[in-house]
Amino acid sequence: MGDKMSDILDYLLKVISGDGGTGAAFLLIAIGALVYERQRLLKVIDEKEAKIDKIMDDFIKGNFTLTQALTELKTVLAEIRGRLK
């Protein structure tokens, strides 16, 4: 991959150092592509953060439900223990 990147950089340097109009147009296209890619990545990050938030909410709700169930079970066991004495 390093060779591919160096080839791209060499090509960029040739285009920029050549005709000014071609270099400027190429830079505008490159900037546009980078802006598009940034927007796409931000969207992906937002989607992943939403999934993480849902997982955390589900975990918290599940943990709360488990705590309530264990508390009720403790109460029932205490009642049974009281009746057995």
PDB file of N, CA and C in Angstrom:
ATOM      1  N   MET A   1       0.819  -1.187   0.000  1.00  0.00           N
ATOM      2  CA  MET A   1       0.000   0.000   0.000  1.00  0.00           C
ATOM      3  C   MET A   1       0.866   1.254   0.000  1.00  0.00           C
ATOM      4  N   GLY A   2       2.051   1.173   0.576  1.00  0.00           N
ATOM      5  CA  GLY A   2       2.951   2.301   0.589  1.00  0.00           C
ATOM      6  C   GLY A   2       3.352   2.730  -0.810  1.00  0.00           C
ATOM      7  N   ASP A   3       3.569   1.751  -1.709  1.00  0.00           N
ATOM      8  CA  ASP A   3       3.931   2.075  -3.089  1.00  0.00           C
ATOM      9  C   ASP A   3       2.792   2.790  -3.791  1.00  0.00           C
ATOM     10  N   LYS A   4       1.593   2.351  -3.545  1.00  0.00           N
ATOM     11  CA  LYS A   4       0.433   2.976  -4.163  1.00  0.00           C
ATOM     12  C   LYS A   4       0.294   4.433  -3.701  1.00  0.00           C
ATOM     13  N   MET A   5       0.501   4.668  -2.405  1.00  0.00           N
ATOM     14  CA  MET A   5       0.404   6.011  -1.864  1.00  0.00           C
ATOM     15  C   MET A   5       1.492   6.906  -2.445  1.00  0.00           C
ATOM     16  N   SER A   6       2.702   6.383  -2.563  1.00  0.00           N
ATOM     17  CA  SER A   6       3.779   7.202  -3.131  1.00  0.00           C
ATOM     18  C   SER A   6       3.510   7.503  -4.603  1.00  0.00           C
ATOM     19  N   ASP A   7       2.913   6.559  -5.327  1.00  0.00           N
ATOM     20  CA  ASP A   7       2.547   6.820  -6.725  1.00  0.00           C
ATOM     21  C   ASP A   7       1.515   7.939  -6.813  1.00  0.00           C
ATOM     22  N   ILE A   8       0.556   7.916  -5.916  1.00  0.00           N
ATOM     23  CA  ILE A   8      -0.475   8.955  -5.900  1.00  0.00           C
ATOM     24  C   ILE A   8       0.146  10.310  -5.589  1.00  0.00           C
ATOM     25  N   LEU A   9       1.039  10.326  -4.600  1.00  0.00           N
ATOM     26  CA  LEU A   9       1.690  11.582  -4.240  1.00  0.00           C
ATOM     27  C   LEU A   9       2.562  12.108  -5.381  1.00  0.00           C
ATOM     28  N   ASP A  10       3.271  11.209  -6.067  1.00  0.00           N
ATOM     29  CA  ASP A  10       4.074  11.630  -7.223  1.00  0.00           C
ATOM     30  C   ASP A  10       3.175  12.230  -8.300  1.00  0.00           C
ATOM     31  N   TYR A  11       2.053  11.584  -8.551  1.00  0.00           N
ATOM     32  CA  TYR A  11       1.124  12.092  -9.566  1.00  0.00           C
ATOM     33  C   TYR A  11       0.584  13.471  -9.166  1.00  0.00           C
ATOM     34  N   LEU A  12       0.244  13.615  -7.898  1.00  0.00           N
ATOM     35  CA  LEU A  12      -0.257  14.906  -7.417  1.00  0.00           C
ATOM     36  C   LEU A  12       0.783  16.005  -7.617  1.00  0.00           C
ATOM     37  N   LEU A  13       2.027  15.703  -7.271  1.00  0.00           N
ATOM     38  CA  LEU A  13       3.089  16.696  -7.434  1.00  0.00           C
ATOM     39  C   LEU A  13       3.277  17.076  -8.896  1.00  0.00           C
ATOM     40  N   LYS A  14       3.183  16.107  -9.798  1.00  0.00           N
ATOM     41  CA  LYS A  14       3.316  16.394 -11.228  1.00  0.00           C
ATOM     42  C   LYS A  14       2.172  17.274 -11.715  1.00  0.00           C
ATOM     43  N   VAL A  15       0.950  16.962 -11.266  1.00  0.00           N
ATOM     44  CA  VAL A  15      -0.211  17.744 -11.704  1.00  0.00           C
ATOM     45  C   VAL A  15      -0.129  19.166 -11.161  1.00  0.00           C
ATOM     46  N   ILE A  16       0.223  19.298  -9.886  1.00  0.00           N
ATOM     47  CA  ILE A  16       0.276  20.619  -9.266  1.00  0.00           C
ATOM     48  C   ILE A  16       1.400  21.463  -9.863  1.00  0.00           C
ATOM     49  N   SER A  17       2.543  20.852 -10.117  1.00  0.00           N
ATOM     50  CA  SER A  17       3.669  21.613 -10.649  1.00  0.00           C
ATOM     51  C   SER A  17       3.524  21.920 -12.132  1.00  0.00           C
ATOM     52  N   GLY A  18       2.602  21.249 -12.803  1.00  0.00           N
ATOM     53  CA  GLY A  18       2.379  21.491 -14.230  1.00  0.00           C
ATOM     54  C   GLY A  18       1.519  22.715 -14.440  1.00  0.00           C
ATOM     55  N   ASP A  19       0.569  22.626 -15.332  1.00  0.00           N
ATOM     56  CA  ASP A  19      -0.350  23.727 -15.654  1.00  0.00           C
ATOM     57  C   ASP A  19      -1.137  24.113 -14.403  1.00  0.00           C
ATOM     58  N   GLY A  20      -1.179  25.390 -14.085  1.00  0.00           N
ATOM     59  CA  GLY A  20      -1.843  25.874 -12.876  1.00  0.00           C
ATOM     60  C   GLY A  20      -3.328  25.574 -12.862  1.00  0.00           C
ATOM     61  N   GLY A  21      -3.985  25.684 -14.010  1.00  0.00           N
ATOM     62  CA  GLY A  21      -5.427  25.431 -14.077  1.00  0.00           C
ATOM     63  C   GLY A  21      -5.759  23.983 -13.794  1.00  0.00           C
ATOM     64  N   THR A  22      -4.967  23.092 -14.345  1.00  0.00           N
ATOM     65  CA  THR A  22      -5.198  21.663 -14.113  1.00  0.00           C
ATOM     66  C   THR A  22      -4.965  21.325 -12.651  1.00  0.00           C
ATOM     67  N   GLY A  23      -3.893  21.891 -12.091  1.00  0.00           N
ATOM     68  CA  GLY A  23      -3.596  21.634 -10.685  1.00  0.00           C
ATOM     69  C   GLY A  23      -4.685  22.153  -9.769  1.00  0.00           C
ATOM     70  N   ALA A  24      -5.186  23.343 -10.062  1.00  0.00           N
ATOM     71  CA  ALA A  24      -6.250  23.921  -9.230  1.00  0.00           C
ATOM     72  C   ALA A  24      -7.517  23.097  -9.343  1.00  0.00           C
ATOM     73  N   ALA A  25      -7.849  22.677 -10.552  1.00  0.00           N
ATOM     74  CA  ALA A  25      -9.052  21.859 -10.742  1.00  0.00           C
ATOM     75  C   ALA A  25      -8.915  20.532 -10.010  1.00  0.00           C
ATOM     76  N   PHE A  26      -7.725  19.951 -10.113  1.00  0.00           N
ATOM     77  CA  PHE A  26      -7.501  18.677  -9.437  1.00  0.00           C
ATOM     78  C   PHE A  26      -7.610  18.844  -7.919  1.00  0.00           C
ATOM     79  N   LEU A  27      -7.038  19.938  -7.398  1.00  0.00           N
ATOM     80  CA  LEU A  27      -7.131  20.184  -5.956  1.00  0.00           C
ATOM     81  C   LEU A  27      -8.579  20.395  -5.512  1.00  0.00           C
ATOM     82  N   LEU A  28      -9.365  21.086  -6.327  1.00  0.00           N
ATOM     83  CA  LEU A  28     -10.784  21.270  -5.989  1.00  0.00           C
ATOM     84  C   LEU A  28     -11.516  19.942  -5.960  1.00  0.00           C
ATOM     85  N   ILE A  29     -11.208  19.086  -6.919  1.00  0.00           N
ATOM     86  CA  ILE A  29     -11.832  17.753  -6.940  1.00  0.00           C
ATOM     87  C   ILE A  29     -11.403  16.959  -5.707  1.00  0.00           C
ATOM     88  N   ALA A  30     -10.116  17.023  -5.376  1.00  0.00           N
ATOM     89  CA  ALA A  30      -9.608  16.297  -4.203  1.00  0.00           C
ATOM     90  C   ALA A  30     -10.253  16.820  -2.925  1.00  0.00           C
ATOM     91  N   ILE A  31     -10.371  18.128  -2.808  1.00  0.00           N
ATOM     92  CA  ILE A  31     -11.009  18.713  -1.623  1.00  0.00           C
ATOM     93  C   ILE A  31     -12.471  18.291  -1.542  1.00  0.00           C
ATOM     94  N   GLY A  32     -13.149  18.310  -2.673  1.00  0.00           N
ATOM     95  CA  GLY A  32     -14.546  17.862  -2.700  1.00  0.00           C
ATOM     96  C   GLY A  32     -14.678  16.420  -2.260  1.00  0.00           C
ATOM     97  N   ALA A  33     -13.763  15.565  -2.739  1.00  0.00           N
ATOM     98  CA  ALA A  33     -13.798  14.150  -2.360  1.00  0.00           C
ATOM     99  C   ALA A  33     -13.542  13.992  -0.863  1.00  0.00           C
ATOM    100  N   LEU A  34     -12.612  14.762  -0.334  1.00  0.00           N
ATOM    101  CA  LEU A  34     -12.326  14.677   1.102  1.00  0.00           C
ATOM    102  C   LEU A  34     -13.499  15.153   1.945  1.00  0.00           C
ATOM    103  N   VAL A  35     -14.156  16.207   1.510  1.00  0.00           N
ATOM    104  CA  VAL A  35     -15.337  16.701   2.233  1.00  0.00           C
ATOM    105  C   VAL A  35     -16.443  15.653   2.209  1.00  0.00           C
ATOM    106  N   TYR A  36     -16.660  15.041   1.040  1.00  0.00           N
ATOM    107  CA  TYR A  36     -17.681  13.994   0.925  1.00  0.00           C
ATOM    108  C   TYR A  36     -17.348  12.822   1.851  1.00  0.00           C
ATOM    109  N   GLU A  37     -16.084  12.396   1.845  1.00  0.00           N
ATOM    110  CA  GLU A  37     -15.679  11.266   2.681  1.00  0.00           C
ATOM    111  C   GLU A  37     -15.838  11.601   4.164  1.00  0.00           C
ATOM    112  N   ARG A  38     -15.525  12.822   4.542  1.00  0.00           N
ATOM    113  CA  ARG A  38     -15.681  13.244   5.932  1.00  0.00           C
ATOM    114  C   ARG A  38     -17.151  13.179   6.340  1.00  0.00           C
ATOM    115  N   GLN A  39     -18.023  13.666   5.480  1.00  0.00           N
ATOM    116  CA  GLN A  39     -19.460  13.628   5.783  1.00  0.00           C
ATOM    117  C   GLN A  39     -19.946  12.188   5.920  1.00  0.00           C
ATOM    118  N   ARG A  40     -19.459  11.318   5.046  1.00  0.00           N
ATOM    119  CA  ARG A  40     -19.851   9.908   5.103  1.00  0.00           C
ATOM    120  C   ARG A  40     -19.372   9.279   6.409  1.00  0.00           C
ATOM    121  N   LEU A  41     -18.143   9.576   6.791  1.00  0.00           N
ATOM    122  CA  LEU A  41     -17.606   9.024   8.039  1.00  0.00           C
ATOM    123  C   LEU A  41     -18.362   9.545   9.257  1.00  0.00           C
ATOM    124  N   LEU A  42     -18.716  10.815   9.246  1.00  0.00           N
ATOM    125  CA  LEU A  42     -19.494  11.373  10.362  1.00  0.00           C
ATOM    126  C   LEU A  42     -20.846  10.672  10.484  1.00  0.00           C
ATOM    127  N   LYS A  43     -21.451  10.364   9.351  1.00  0.00           N
ATOM    128  CA  LYS A  43     -22.738   9.661   9.365  1.00  0.00           C
ATOM    129  C   LYS A  43     -22.565   8.255   9.945  1.00  0.00           C
ATOM    130  N   VAL A  44     -21.506   7.562   9.542  1.00  0.00           N
ATOM    131  CA  VAL A  44     -21.243   6.217  10.050  1.00  0.00           C
ATOM    132  C   VAL A  44     -20.991   6.260  11.554  1.00  0.00           C
ATOM    133  N   ILE A  45     -20.224   7.254  11.997  1.00  0.00           N
ATOM    134  CA  ILE A  45     -19.939   7.395  13.430  1.00  0.00           C
ATOM    135  C   ILE A  45     -21.220   7.652  14.211  1.00  0.00           C
ATOM    136  N   ASP A  46     -22.095   8.511  13.681  1.00  0.00           N
ATOM    137  CA  ASP A  46     -23.366   8.785  14.354  1.00  0.00           C
ATOM    138  C   ASP A  46     -24.214   7.525  14.467  1.00  0.00           C
ATOM    139  N   GLU A  47     -24.239   6.723  13.402  1.00  0.00           N
ATOM    140  CA  GLU A  47     -25.015   5.482  13.434  1.00  0.00           C
ATOM    141  C   GLU A  47     -24.454   4.526  14.481  1.00  0.00           C
ATOM    142  N   LYS A  48     -23.133   4.412  14.540  1.00  0.00           N
ATOM    143  CA  LYS A  48     -22.516   3.515  15.516  1.00  0.00           C
ATOM    144  C   LYS A  48     -22.738   4.016  16.942  1.00  0.00           C
ATOM    145  N   GLU A  49     -22.680   5.325  17.150  1.00  0.00           N
ATOM    146  CA  GLU A  49     -22.941   5.875  18.479  1.00  0.00           C
ATOM    147  C   GLU A  49     -24.381   5.607  18.900  1.00  0.00           C
ATOM    148  N   ALA A  50     -25.312   5.690  17.957  1.00  0.00           N
ATOM    149  CA  ALA A  50     -26.714   5.400  18.267  1.00  0.00           C
ATOM    150  C   ALA A  50     -26.870   3.937  18.682  1.00  0.00           C
ATOM    151  N   LYS A  51     -26.166   3.040  17.991  1.00  0.00           N
ATOM    152  CA  LYS A  51     -26.227   1.617  18.351  1.00  0.00           C
ATOM    153  C   LYS A  51     -25.641   1.385  19.740  1.00  0.00           C
ATOM    154  N   ILE A  52     -24.529   2.053  20.030  1.00  0.00           N
ATOM    155  CA  ILE A  52     -23.897   1.907  21.346  1.00  0.00           C
ATOM    156  C   ILE A  52     -24.828   2.437  22.432  1.00  0.00           C
ATOM    157  N   ASP A  53     -25.472   3.577  22.171  1.00  0.00           N
ATOM    158  CA  ASP A  53     -26.419   4.138  23.146  1.00  0.00           C
ATOM    159  C   ASP A  53     -27.568   3.176  23.406  1.00  0.00           C
ATOM    160  N   LYS A  54     -28.076   2.531  22.360  1.00  0.00           N
ATOM    161  CA  LYS A  54     -29.176   1.575  22.529  1.00  0.00           C
ATOM    162  C   LYS A  54     -28.719   0.372  23.356  1.00  0.00           C
ATOM    163  N   ILE A  55     -27.524  -0.119  23.067  1.00  0.00           N
ATOM    164  CA  ILE A  55     -26.997  -1.257  23.824  1.00  0.00           C
ATOM    165  C   ILE A  55     -26.852  -0.890  25.300  1.00  0.00           C
ATOM    166  N   MET A  56     -26.341   0.300  25.566  1.00  0.00           N
ATOM    167  CA  MET A  56     -26.184   0.729  26.962  1.00  0.00           C
ATOM    168  C   MET A  56     -27.528   0.891  27.649  1.00  0.00           C
ATOM    169  N   ASP A  57     -28.510   1.464  26.947  1.00  0.00           N
ATOM    170  CA  ASP A  57     -29.850   1.612  27.530  1.00  0.00           C
ATOM    171  C   ASP A  57     -30.457   0.250  27.841  1.00  0.00           C
ATOM    172  N   ASP A  58     -30.312  -0.684  26.897  1.00  0.00           N
ATOM    173  CA  ASP A  58     -30.844  -2.032  27.119  1.00  0.00           C
ATOM    174  C   ASP A  58     -30.157  -2.698  28.305  1.00  0.00           C
ATOM    175  N   PHE A  59     -28.848  -2.499  28.430  1.00  0.00           N
ATOM    176  CA  PHE A  59     -28.108  -3.073  29.555  1.00  0.00           C
ATOM    177  C   PHE A  59     -28.599  -2.490  30.878  1.00  0.00           C
ATOM    178  N   ILE A  60     -28.772  -1.185  30.911  1.00  0.00           N
ATOM    179  CA  ILE A  60     -29.219  -0.526  32.149  1.00  0.00           C
ATOM    180  C   ILE A  60     -30.621  -0.997  32.523  1.00  0.00           C
ATOM    181  N   LYS A  61     -31.521  -1.076  31.534  1.00  0.00           N
ATOM    182  CA  LYS A  61     -32.880  -1.553  31.813  1.00  0.00           C
ATOM    183  C   LYS A  61     -32.865  -3.002  32.287  1.00  0.00           C
ATOM    184  N   GLY A  62     -32.040  -3.830  31.637  1.00  0.00           N
ATOM    185  CA  GLY A  62     -31.939  -5.231  32.041  1.00  0.00           C
ATOM    186  C   GLY A  62     -31.372  -5.375  33.433  1.00  0.00           C
ATOM    187  N   ASN A  63     -30.367  -4.586  33.745  1.00  0.00           N
ATOM    188  CA  ASN A  63     -29.764  -4.620  35.071  1.00  0.00           C
ATOM    189  C   ASN A  63     -30.765  -4.179  36.129  1.00  0.00           C
ATOM    190  N   PHE A  64     -31.551  -3.142  35.832  1.00  0.00           N
ATOM    191  CA  PHE A  64     -32.570  -2.660  36.761  1.00  0.00           C
ATOM    192  C   PHE A  64     -33.633  -3.740  36.988  1.00  0.00           C
ATOM    193  N   THR A  65     -34.051  -4.385  35.905  1.00  0.00           N
ATOM    194  CA  THR A  65     -35.061  -5.454  36.018  1.00  0.00           C
ATOM    195  C   THR A  65     -34.523  -6.609  36.842  1.00  0.00           C
ATOM    196  N   LEU A  66     -33.277  -6.966  36.623  1.00  0.00           N
ATOM    197  CA  LEU A  66     -32.662  -8.048  37.393  1.00  0.00           C
ATOM    198  C   LEU A  66     -32.589  -7.685  38.873  1.00  0.00           C
ATOM    199  N   THR A  67     -32.234  -6.457  39.171  1.00  0.00           N
ATOM    200  CA  THR A  67     -32.164  -5.999  40.562  1.00  0.00           C
ATOM    201  C   THR A  67     -33.536  -6.082  41.219  1.00  0.00           C
ATOM    202  N   GLN A  68     -34.569  -5.643  40.494  1.00  0.00           N
ATOM    203  CA  GLN A  68     -35.932  -5.731  41.042  1.00  0.00           C
ATOM    204  C   GLN A  68     -36.329  -7.187  41.288  1.00  0.00           C
ATOM    205  N   ALA A  69     -36.003  -8.068  40.358  1.00  0.00           N
ATOM    206  CA  ALA A  69     -36.359  -9.481  40.513  1.00  0.00           C
ATOM    207  C   ALA A  69     -35.645 -10.089  41.712  1.00  0.00           C
ATOM    208  N   LEU A  70     -34.367  -9.759  41.881  1.00  0.00           N
ATOM    209  CA  LEU A  70     -33.626 -10.297  43.026  1.00  0.00           C
ATOM    210  C   LEU A  70     -34.163  -9.749  44.346  1.00  0.00           C
ATOM    211  N   THR A  71     -34.574  -8.509  44.364  1.00  0.00           N
ATOM    212  CA  THR A  71     -35.154  -7.913  45.577  1.00  0.00           C
ATOM    213  C   THR A  71     -36.468  -8.611  45.925  1.00  0.00           C
ATOM    214  N   GLU A  72     -37.297  -8.852  44.928  1.00  0.00           N
ATOM    215  CA  GLU A  72     -38.564  -9.545  45.173  1.00  0.00           C
ATOM    216  C   GLU A  72     -38.325 -10.986  45.615  1.00  0.00           C
ATOM    217  N   LEU A  73     -37.337 -11.635  45.028  1.00  0.00           N
ATOM    218  CA  LEU A  73     -37.007 -12.999  45.422  1.00  0.00           C
ATOM    219  C   LEU A  73     -36.524 -13.032  46.875  1.00  0.00           C
ATOM    220  N   LYS A  74     -35.726 -12.056  47.255  1.00  0.00           N
ATOM    221  CA  LYS A  74     -35.247 -11.961  48.636  1.00  0.00           C
ATOM    222  C   LYS A  74     -36.429 -11.789  49.602  1.00  0.00           C
ATOM    223  N   THR A  75     -37.411 -10.965  49.190  1.00  0.00           N
ATOM    224  CA  THR A  75     -38.604 -10.758  50.020  1.00  0.00           C
ATOM    225  C   THR A  75     -39.391 -12.055  50.166  1.00  0.00           C
ATOM    226  N   VAL A  76     -39.576 -12.769  49.077  1.00  0.00           N
ATOM    227  CA  VAL A  76     -40.324 -14.037  49.111  1.00  0.00           C
ATOM    228  C   VAL A  76     -39.598 -15.054  49.985  1.00  0.00           C
ATOM    229  N   LEU A  77     -38.282 -15.140  49.843  1.00  0.00           N
ATOM    230  CA  LEU A  77     -37.522 -16.084  50.666  1.00  0.00           C
ATOM    231  C   LEU A  77     -37.605 -15.725  52.153  1.00  0.00           C
ATOM    232  N   ALA A  78     -37.603 -14.434  52.445  1.00  0.00           N
ATOM    233  CA  ALA A  78     -37.729 -14.007  53.847  1.00  0.00           C
ATOM    234  C   ALA A  78     -39.102 -14.399  54.386  1.00  0.00           C
ATOM    235  N   GLU A  79     -40.150 -14.258  53.571  1.00  0.00           N
ATOM    236  CA  GLU A  79     -41.499 -14.651  54.013  1.00  0.00           C
ATOM    237  C   GLU A  79     -41.565 -16.153  54.239  1.00  0.00           C
ATOM    238  N   ILE A  80     -40.969 -16.923  53.344  1.00  0.00           N
ATOM    239  CA  ILE A  80     -40.996 -18.385  53.498  1.00  0.00           C
ATOM    240  C   ILE A  80     -40.222 -18.790  54.757  1.00  0.00           C
ATOM    241  N   ARG A  81     -39.070 -18.159  54.988  1.00  0.00           N
ATOM    242  CA  ARG A  81     -38.255 -18.455  56.157  1.00  0.00           C
ATOM    243  C   ARG A  81     -39.065 -18.124  57.435  1.00  0.00           C
ATOM    244  N   GLY A  82     -39.794 -17.000  57.384  1.00  0.00           N
ATOM    245  CA  GLY A  82     -40.596 -16.607  58.543  1.00  0.00           C
ATOM    246  C   GLY A  82     -41.709 -17.592  58.821  1.00  0.00           C
ATOM    247  N   ARG A  83     -42.302 -18.165  57.801  1.00  0.00           N
ATOM    248  CA  ARG A  83     -43.398 -19.133  57.999  1.00  0.00           C
ATOM    249  C   ARG A  83     -42.887 -20.487  58.461  1.00  0.00           C
ATOM    250  N   LEU A  84     -41.651 -20.810  58.082  1.00  0.00           N
ATOM    251  CA  LEU A  84     -41.096 -22.114  58.479  1.00  0.00           C
ATOM    252  C   LEU A  84     -40.656 -22.142  59.931  1.00  0.00           C
ATOM    253  N   LYS A  85     -40.417 -20.994  60.532  1.00  0.00           N
ATOM    254  CA  LYS A  85     -39.954 -20.969  61.935  1.00  0.00           C
ATOM    255  C   LYS A  85     -41.064 -21.176  62.874  1.00  0.00           C
TER     256      LYS A  85
END
